[in-house]
Amino acid sequence: ATLQLNARVNELRAQGQDIISLGAGEPDFDTPLH
């Protein structure tokens, strides 16, 4: 269900909609540089 939601969010964003996803199962940080 979570991966399906992420796919739908990406589709809507590609259509220009400003979707805020609260479904993320991952940190929004970049992997540390080192």
PDB file of all heavy atoms in Angstrom:
ATOM      1  N   ALA A   1       0.829  -1.212   0.000  1.00  0.00           N
ATOM      2  CA  ALA A   1       0.000   0.000   0.000  1.00  0.00           C
ATOM      3  C   ALA A   1       0.858   1.254   0.000  1.00  0.00           C
ATOM      4  O   ALA A   1       0.514   2.256  -0.643  1.00  0.00           O
ATOM      5  CB  ALA A   1      -0.926  -0.009   1.212  1.00  0.00           C
ATOM      6  N   THR A   2       1.970   1.212   0.711  1.00  0.00           N
ATOM      7  CA  THR A   2       2.813   2.404   0.789  1.00  0.00           C
ATOM      8  C   THR A   2       3.512   2.671  -0.538  1.00  0.00           C
ATOM      9  O   THR A   2       3.638   3.824  -0.962  1.00  0.00           O
ATOM     10  CB  THR A   2       3.846   2.248   1.916  1.00  0.00           C
ATOM     11  OG1 THR A   2       4.512   0.989   1.787  1.00  0.00           O
ATOM     12  CG2 THR A   2       3.170   2.300   3.276  1.00  0.00           C
ATOM     13  N   LEU A   3       3.972   1.617  -1.202  1.00  0.00           N
ATOM     14  CA  LEU A   3       4.625   1.812  -2.495  1.00  0.00           C
ATOM     15  C   LEU A   3       3.620   2.259  -3.553  1.00  0.00           C
ATOM     16  O   LEU A   3       3.939   3.069  -4.433  1.00  0.00           O
ATOM     17  CB  LEU A   3       5.336   0.529  -2.927  1.00  0.00           C
ATOM     18  CG  LEU A   3       6.524   0.102  -2.049  1.00  0.00           C
ATOM     19  CD1 LEU A   3       7.180  -1.156  -2.609  1.00  0.00           C
ATOM     20  CD2 LEU A   3       7.555   1.226  -1.926  1.00  0.00           C
ATOM     21  N   GLN A   4       2.400   1.746  -3.491  1.00  0.00           N
ATOM     22  CA  GLN A   4       1.354   2.198  -4.406  1.00  0.00           C
ATOM     23  C   GLN A   4       1.059   3.678  -4.202  1.00  0.00           C
ATOM     24  O   GLN A   4       0.882   4.427  -5.173  1.00  0.00           O
ATOM     25  CB  GLN A   4       0.075   1.373  -4.196  1.00  0.00           C
ATOM     26  CG  GLN A   4       0.119  -0.020  -4.797  1.00  0.00           C
ATOM     27  CD  GLN A   4      -1.230  -0.727  -4.671  1.00  0.00           C
ATOM     28  OE1 GLN A   4      -1.850  -0.726  -3.610  1.00  0.00           O
ATOM     29  NE2 GLN A   4      -1.696  -1.313  -5.744  1.00  0.00           N
ATOM     30  N   LEU A   5       1.000   4.098  -2.948  1.00  0.00           N
ATOM     31  CA  LEU A   5       0.742   5.510  -2.649  1.00  0.00           C
ATOM     32  C   LEU A   5       1.854   6.384  -3.207  1.00  0.00           C
ATOM     33  O   LEU A   5       1.593   7.424  -3.828  1.00  0.00           O
ATOM     34  CB  LEU A   5       0.625   5.715  -1.140  1.00  0.00           C
ATOM     35  CG  LEU A   5       0.459   7.160  -0.676  1.00  0.00           C
ATOM     36  CD1 LEU A   5      -0.875   7.730  -1.145  1.00  0.00           C
ATOM     37  CD2 LEU A   5       0.572   7.256   0.839  1.00  0.00           C
ATOM     38  N   ASN A   6       3.104   5.961  -3.002  1.00  0.00           N
ATOM     39  CA  ASN A   6       4.231   6.743  -3.514  1.00  0.00           C
ATOM     40  C   ASN A   6       4.159   6.896  -5.024  1.00  0.00           C
ATOM     41  O   ASN A   6       4.451   7.966  -5.573  1.00  0.00           O
ATOM     42  CB  ASN A   6       5.551   6.076  -3.118  1.00  0.00           C
ATOM     43  CG  ASN A   6       5.825   6.187  -1.629  1.00  0.00           C
ATOM     44  OD1 ASN A   6       5.217   6.988  -0.938  1.00  0.00           O
ATOM     45  ND2 ASN A   6       6.727   5.364  -1.138  1.00  0.00           N
ATOM     46  N   ALA A   7       3.763   5.815  -5.715  1.00  0.00           N
ATOM     47  CA  ALA A   7       3.649   5.872  -7.170  1.00  0.00           C
ATOM     48  C   ALA A   7       2.571   6.862  -7.598  1.00  0.00           C
ATOM     49  O   ALA A   7       2.754   7.638  -8.542  1.00  0.00           O
ATOM     50  CB  ALA A   7       3.341   4.478  -7.723  1.00  0.00           C
ATOM     51  N   ARG A   8       1.435   6.873  -6.883  1.00  0.00           N
ATOM     52  CA  ARG A   8       0.343   7.791  -7.221  1.00  0.00           C
ATOM     53  C   ARG A   8       0.752   9.237  -6.958  1.00  0.00           C
ATOM     54  O   ARG A   8       0.442  10.133  -7.756  1.00  0.00           O
ATOM     55  CB  ARG A   8      -0.899   7.430  -6.394  1.00  0.00           C
ATOM     56  CG  ARG A   8      -2.106   8.335  -6.653  1.00  0.00           C
ATOM     57  CD  ARG A   8      -2.488   8.360  -8.122  1.00  0.00           C
ATOM     58  NE  ARG A   8      -3.653   9.196  -8.361  1.00  0.00           N
ATOM     59  CZ  ARG A   8      -3.957   9.729  -9.534  1.00  0.00           C
ATOM     60  NH1 ARG A   8      -3.177   9.507 -10.604  1.00  0.00           N
ATOM     61  NH2 ARG A   8      -5.029  10.476  -9.686  1.00  0.00           N
ATOM     62  N   VAL A   9       1.465   9.471  -5.858  1.00  0.00           N
ATOM     63  CA  VAL A   9       1.946  10.815  -5.554  1.00  0.00           C
ATOM     64  C   VAL A   9       2.864  11.315  -6.663  1.00  0.00           C
ATOM     65  O   VAL A   9       2.765  12.468  -7.114  1.00  0.00           O
ATOM     66  CB  VAL A   9       2.682  10.833  -4.192  1.00  0.00           C
ATOM     67  CG1 VAL A   9       3.448  12.138  -3.999  1.00  0.00           C
ATOM     68  CG2 VAL A   9       1.687  10.646  -3.052  1.00  0.00           C
ATOM     69  N   ASN A  10       3.750  10.470  -7.119  1.00  0.00           N
ATOM     70  CA  ASN A  10       4.664  10.856  -8.198  1.00  0.00           C
ATOM     71  C   ASN A  10       3.911  11.183  -9.483  1.00  0.00           C
ATOM     72  O   ASN A  10       4.290  12.109 -10.214  1.00  0.00           O
ATOM     73  CB  ASN A  10       5.686   9.747  -8.441  1.00  0.00           C
ATOM     74  CG  ASN A  10       6.688   9.635  -7.299  1.00  0.00           C
ATOM     75  OD1 ASN A  10       6.931  10.598  -6.589  1.00  0.00           O
ATOM     76  ND2 ASN A  10       7.259   8.462  -7.123  1.00  0.00           N
ATOM     77  N   GLU A  11       2.853  10.436  -9.767  1.00  0.00           N
ATOM     78  CA  GLU A  11       2.034  10.710 -10.955  1.00  0.00           C
ATOM     79  C   GLU A  11       1.393  12.092 -10.859  1.00  0.00           C
ATOM     80  O   GLU A  11       1.411  12.869 -11.815  1.00  0.00           O
ATOM     81  CB  GLU A  11       0.939   9.649 -11.103  1.00  0.00           C
ATOM     82  CG  GLU A  11       1.436   8.272 -11.520  1.00  0.00           C
ATOM     83  CD  GLU A  11       0.302   7.261 -11.554  1.00  0.00           C
ATOM     84  OE1 GLU A  11      -0.868   7.660 -11.334  1.00  0.00           O
ATOM     85  OE2 GLU A  11       0.579   6.071 -11.795  1.00  0.00           O
ATOM     86  N   LEU A  12       0.814  12.405  -9.700  1.00  0.00           N
ATOM     87  CA  LEU A  12       0.141  13.690  -9.524  1.00  0.00           C
ATOM     88  C   LEU A  12       1.127  14.845  -9.564  1.00  0.00           C
ATOM     89  O   LEU A  12       0.838  15.908 -10.113  1.00  0.00           O
ATOM     90  CB  LEU A  12      -0.636  13.694  -8.205  1.00  0.00           C
ATOM     91  CG  LEU A  12      -1.823  12.722  -8.130  1.00  0.00           C
ATOM     92  CD1 LEU A  12      -2.427  12.714  -6.736  1.00  0.00           C
ATOM     93  CD2 LEU A  12      -2.889  13.089  -9.166  1.00  0.00           C
ATOM     94  N   ARG A  13       2.296  14.635  -8.991  1.00  0.00           N
ATOM     95  CA  ARG A  13       3.322  15.679  -9.046  1.00  0.00           C
ATOM     96  C   ARG A  13       3.774  15.922 -10.476  1.00  0.00           C
ATOM     97  O   ARG A  13       4.040  17.066 -10.872  1.00  0.00           O
ATOM     98  CB  ARG A  13       4.502  15.287  -8.165  1.00  0.00           C
ATOM     99  CG  ARG A  13       4.235  15.458  -6.669  1.00  0.00           C
ATOM    100  CD  ARG A  13       5.370  14.914  -5.827  1.00  0.00           C
ATOM    101  NE  ARG A  13       5.181  15.212  -4.405  1.00  0.00           N
ATOM    102  CZ  ARG A  13       5.889  14.651  -3.424  1.00  0.00           C
ATOM    103  NH1 ARG A  13       6.835  13.762  -3.728  1.00  0.00           N
ATOM    104  NH2 ARG A  13       5.656  14.975  -2.168  1.00  0.00           N
ATOM    105  N   ALA A  14       3.852  14.855 -11.256  1.00  0.00           N
ATOM    106  CA  ALA A  14       4.237  14.999 -12.659  1.00  0.00           C
ATOM    107  C   ALA A  14       3.204  15.798 -13.441  1.00  0.00           C
ATOM    108  O   ALA A  14       3.535  16.422 -14.460  1.00  0.00           O
ATOM    109  CB  ALA A  14       4.434  13.619 -13.287  1.00  0.00           C
ATOM    110  N   GLN A  15       1.957  15.791 -12.942  1.00  0.00           N
ATOM    111  CA  GLN A  15       0.886  16.569 -13.573  1.00  0.00           C
ATOM    112  C   GLN A  15       0.862  18.012 -13.073  1.00  0.00           C
ATOM    113  O   GLN A  15       0.005  18.792 -13.469  1.00  0.00           O
ATOM    114  CB  GLN A  15      -0.459  15.904 -13.283  1.00  0.00           C
ATOM    115  CG  GLN A  15      -0.599  14.502 -13.878  1.00  0.00           C
ATOM    116  CD  GLN A  15      -1.841  13.781 -13.378  1.00  0.00           C
ATOM    117  OE1 GLN A  15      -2.724  14.390 -12.770  1.00  0.00           O
ATOM    118  NE2 GLN A  15      -1.906  12.480 -13.641  1.00  0.00           N
ATOM    119  N   GLY A  16       1.791  18.353 -12.189  1.00  0.00           N
ATOM    120  CA  GLY A  16       1.895  19.729 -11.709  1.00  0.00           C
ATOM    121  C   GLY A  16       1.217  20.012 -10.384  1.00  0.00           C
ATOM    122  O   GLY A  16       1.191  21.165  -9.939  1.00  0.00           O
ATOM    123  N   GLN A  17       0.675  18.992  -9.726  1.00  0.00           N
ATOM    124  CA  GLN A  17       0.010  19.220  -8.446  1.00  0.00           C
ATOM    125  C   GLN A  17       1.030  19.277  -7.308  1.00  0.00           C
ATOM    126  O   GLN A  17       1.988  18.506  -7.281  1.00  0.00           O
ATOM    127  CB  GLN A  17      -1.013  18.115  -8.177  1.00  0.00           C
ATOM    128  CG  GLN A  17      -2.173  18.088  -9.161  1.00  0.00           C
ATOM    129  CD  GLN A  17      -3.308  17.205  -8.671  1.00  0.00           C
ATOM    130  OE1 GLN A  17      -3.619  17.184  -7.480  1.00  0.00           O
ATOM    131  NE2 GLN A  17      -3.920  16.473  -9.593  1.00  0.00           N
ATOM    132  N   ASP A  18       0.787  20.170  -6.366  1.00  0.00           N
ATOM    133  CA  ASP A  18       1.672  20.335  -5.211  1.00  0.00           C
ATOM    134  C   ASP A  18       1.220  19.397  -4.102  1.00  0.00           C
ATOM    135  O   ASP A  18       0.519  19.796  -3.162  1.00  0.00           O
ATOM    136  CB  ASP A  18       1.645  21.787  -4.728  1.00  0.00           C
ATOM    137  CG  ASP A  18       2.519  22.002  -3.504  1.00  0.00           C
ATOM    138  OD1 ASP A  18       3.490  21.236  -3.327  1.00  0.00           O
ATOM    139  OD2 ASP A  18       2.219  22.920  -2.719  1.00  0.00           O
ATOM    140  N   ILE A  19       1.603  18.136  -4.206  1.00  0.00           N
ATOM    141  CA  ILE A  19       1.216  17.130  -3.231  1.00  0.00           C
ATOM    142  C   ILE A  19       2.258  17.075  -2.119  1.00  0.00           C
ATOM    143  O   ILE A  19       3.457  16.999  -2.377  1.00  0.00           O
ATOM    144  CB  ILE A  19       1.104  15.731  -3.878  1.00  0.00           C
ATOM    145  CG1 ILE A  19       0.153  15.765  -5.086  1.00  0.00           C
ATOM    146  CG2 ILE A  19       0.658  14.701  -2.848  1.00  0.00           C
ATOM    147  CD1 ILE A  19      -1.273  16.083  -4.736  1.00  0.00           C
ATOM    148  N   ILE A  20       1.790  17.141  -0.878  1.00  0.00           N
ATOM    149  CA  ILE A  20       2.673  16.918   0.266  1.00  0.00           C
ATOM    150  C   ILE A  20       2.457  15.492   0.727  1.00  0.00           C
ATOM    151  O   ILE A  20       1.354  15.131   1.147  1.00  0.00           O
ATOM    152  CB  ILE A  20       2.382  17.898   1.413  1.00  0.00           C
ATOM    153  CG1 ILE A  20       2.558  19.345   0.962  1.00  0.00           C
ATOM    154  CG2 ILE A  20       3.316  17.600   2.602  1.00  0.00           C
ATOM    155  CD1 ILE A  20       2.249  20.363   2.037  1.00  0.00           C
ATOM    156  N   SER A  21       3.475  14.674   0.630  1.00  0.00           N
ATOM    157  CA  SER A  21       3.346  13.271   1.017  1.00  0.00           C
ATOM    158  C   SER A  21       3.729  13.081   2.466  1.00  0.00           C
ATOM    159  O   SER A  21       4.849  13.387   2.881  1.00  0.00           O
ATOM    160  CB  SER A  21       4.221  12.377   0.133  1.00  0.00           C
ATOM    161  OG  SER A  21       4.099  11.032   0.558  1.00  0.00           O
ATOM    162  N   LEU A  22       2.780  12.555   3.227  1.00  0.00           N
ATOM    163  CA  LEU A  22       3.032  12.141   4.607  1.00  0.00           C
ATOM    164  C   LEU A  22       3.062  10.615   4.668  1.00  0.00           C
ATOM    165  O   LEU A  22       2.817  10.016   5.723  1.00  0.00           O
ATOM    166  CB  LEU A  22       1.940  12.690   5.536  1.00  0.00           C
ATOM    167  CG  LEU A  22       1.788  14.208   5.552  1.00  0.00           C
ATOM    168  CD1 LEU A  22       0.634  14.625   6.458  1.00  0.00           C
ATOM    169  CD2 LEU A  22       3.074  14.882   5.998  1.00  0.00           C
ATOM    170  N   GLY A  23       3.363  10.012   3.532  1.00  0.00           N
ATOM    171  CA  GLY A  23       3.394   8.554   3.465  1.00  0.00           C
ATOM    172  C   GLY A  23       4.798   7.984   3.430  1.00  0.00           C
ATOM    173  O   GLY A  23       4.975   6.766   3.371  1.00  0.00           O
ATOM    174  N   ALA A  24       5.802   8.844   3.469  1.00  0.00           N
ATOM    175  CA  ALA A  24       7.173   8.387   3.271  1.00  0.00           C
ATOM    176  C   ALA A  24       7.619   7.437   4.371  1.00  0.00           C
ATOM    177  O   ALA A  24       7.425   7.706   5.554  1.00  0.00           O
ATOM    178  CB  ALA A  24       8.124   9.583   3.218  1.00  0.00           C
ATOM    179  N   GLY A  25       8.238   6.337   3.939  1.00  0.00           N
ATOM    180  CA  GLY A  25       8.821   5.394   4.880  1.00  0.00           C
ATOM    181  C   GLY A  25      10.327   5.494   4.888  1.00  0.00           C
ATOM    182  O   GLY A  25      11.022   4.517   5.172  1.00  0.00           O
ATOM    183  N   GLU A  26      10.831   6.672   4.568  1.00  0.00           N
ATOM    184  CA  GLU A  26      12.281   6.845   4.532  1.00  0.00           C
ATOM    185  C   GLU A  26      12.655   8.238   5.004  1.00  0.00           C
ATOM    186  O   GLU A  26      11.880   9.189   4.862  1.00  0.00           O
ATOM    187  CB  GLU A  26      12.836   6.605   3.126  1.00  0.00           C
ATOM    188  CG  GLU A  26      12.352   7.577   2.074  1.00  0.00           C
ATOM    189  CD  GLU A  26      12.979   7.315   0.709  1.00  0.00           C
ATOM    190  OE1 GLU A  26      14.049   6.692   0.658  1.00  0.00           O
ATOM    191  OE2 GLU A  26      12.386   7.742  -0.291  1.00  0.00           O
ATOM    192  N   PRO A  27      13.850   8.377   5.589  1.00  0.00           N
ATOM    193  CA  PRO A  27      14.300   9.715   5.999  1.00  0.00           C
ATOM    194  C   PRO A  27      14.397  10.635   4.791  1.00  0.00           C
ATOM    195  O   PRO A  27      14.682  10.192   3.673  1.00  0.00           O
ATOM    196  CB  PRO A  27      15.691   9.448   6.597  1.00  0.00           C
ATOM    197  CG  PRO A  27      15.689   8.000   6.965  1.00  0.00           C
ATOM    198  CD  PRO A  27      14.826   7.325   5.940  1.00  0.00           C
ATOM    199  N   ASP A  28      14.165  11.924   5.023  1.00  0.00           N
ATOM    200  CA  ASP A  28      14.281  12.899   3.939  1.00  0.00           C
ATOM    201  C   ASP A  28      15.687  13.477   3.869  1.00  0.00           C
ATOM    202  O   ASP A  28      15.950  14.355   3.052  1.00  0.00           O
ATOM    203  CB  ASP A  28      13.264  14.025   4.124  1.00  0.00           C
ATOM    204  CG  ASP A  28      13.412  14.738   5.468  1.00  0.00           C
ATOM    205  OD1 ASP A  28      13.574  14.040   6.483  1.00  0.00           O
ATOM    206  OD2 ASP A  28      13.360  15.975   5.509  1.00  0.00           O
ATOM    207  N   PHE A  29      16.597  12.973   4.686  1.00  0.00           N
ATOM    208  CA  PHE A  29      17.985  13.430   4.668  1.00  0.00           C
ATOM    209  C   PHE A  29      18.783  12.695   3.595  1.00  0.00           C
ATOM    210  O   PHE A  29      18.463  11.556   3.237  1.00  0.00           O
ATOM    211  CB  PHE A  29      18.644  13.188   6.033  1.00  0.00           C
ATOM    212  CG  PHE A  29      17.969  13.886   7.169  1.00  0.00           C
ATOM    213  CD1 PHE A  29      17.109  13.199   8.016  1.00  0.00           C
ATOM    214  CD2 PHE A  29      18.181  15.236   7.402  1.00  0.00           C
ATOM    215  CE1 PHE A  29      16.476  13.843   9.067  1.00  0.00           C
ATOM    216  CE2 PHE A  29      17.560  15.893   8.453  1.00  0.00           C
ATOM    217  CZ  PHE A  29      16.701  15.191   9.282  1.00  0.00           C
ATOM    218  N   ASP A  30      19.824  13.344   3.104  1.00  0.00           N
ATOM    219  CA  ASP A  30      20.756  12.662   2.216  1.00  0.00           C
ATOM    220  C   ASP A  30      21.648  11.731   3.029  1.00  0.00           C
ATOM    221  O   ASP A  30      21.923  11.980   4.212  1.00  0.00           O
ATOM    222  CB  ASP A  30      21.650  13.681   1.485  1.00  0.00           C
ATOM    223  CG  ASP A  30      20.881  14.510   0.470  1.00  0.00           C
ATOM    224  OD1 ASP A  30      19.884  14.003  -0.074  1.00  0.00           O
ATOM    225  OD2 ASP A  30      21.267  15.676   0.247  1.00  0.00           O
ATOM    226  N   THR A  31      22.114  10.659   2.393  1.00  0.00           N
ATOM    227  CA  THR A  31      23.116   9.818   3.034  1.00  0.00           C
ATOM    228  C   THR A  31      24.325  10.682   3.383  1.00  0.00           C
ATOM    229  O   THR A  31      24.792  11.461   2.546  1.00  0.00           O
ATOM    230  CB  THR A  31      23.552   8.681   2.088  1.00  0.00           C
ATOM    231  OG1 THR A  31      22.413   7.923   1.697  1.00  0.00           O
ATOM    232  CG2 THR A  31      24.559   7.765   2.768  1.00  0.00           C
ATOM    233  N   PRO A  32      24.847  10.588   4.611  1.00  0.00           N
ATOM    234  CA  PRO A  32      25.990  11.417   4.998  1.00  0.00           C
ATOM    235  C   PRO A  32      27.151  11.321   4.021  1.00  0.00           C
ATOM    236  O   PRO A  32      27.407  10.261   3.431  1.00  0.00           O
ATOM    237  CB  PRO A  32      26.367  10.865   6.375  1.00  0.00           C
ATOM    238  CG  PRO A  32      25.062  10.362   6.928  1.00  0.00           C
ATOM    239  CD  PRO A  32      24.341   9.790   5.747  1.00  0.00           C
ATOM    240  N   LEU A  33      27.838  12.443   3.851  1.00  0.00           N
ATOM    241  CA  LEU A  33      28.865  12.565   2.822  1.00  0.00           C
ATOM    242  C   LEU A  33      29.982  11.548   2.976  1.00  0.00           C
ATOM    243  O   LEU A  33      30.453  10.976   1.986  1.00  0.00           O
ATOM    244  CB  LEU A  33      29.449  13.989   2.846  1.00  0.00           C
ATOM    245  CG  LEU A  33      30.521  14.302   1.793  1.00  0.00           C
ATOM    246  CD1 LEU A  33      29.974  14.105   0.388  1.00  0.00           C
ATOM    247  CD2 LEU A  33      31.038  15.734   1.971  1.00  0.00           C
ATOM    248  N   HIS A  34      30.429  11.294   4.210  1.00  0.00           N
ATOM    249  CA  HIS A  34      31.555  10.368   4.363  1.00  0.00           C
ATOM    250  C   HIS A  34      31.191   8.951   3.944  1.00  0.00           C
ATOM    251  O   HIS A  34      32.037   8.193   3.481  1.00  0.00           O
ATOM    252  CB  HIS A  34      32.080  10.391   5.809  1.00  0.00           C
ATOM    253  CG  HIS A  34      31.145   9.844   6.839  1.00  0.00           C
ATOM    254  ND1 HIS A  34      30.029  10.516   7.274  1.00  0.00           N
ATOM    255  CD2 HIS A  34      31.159   8.670   7.535  1.00  0.00           C
ATOM    256  CE1 HIS A  34      29.401   9.805   8.196  1.00  0.00           C
ATOM    257  NE2 HIS A  34      30.077   8.677   8.374  1.00  0.00           N
TER     258      HIS A  34
END
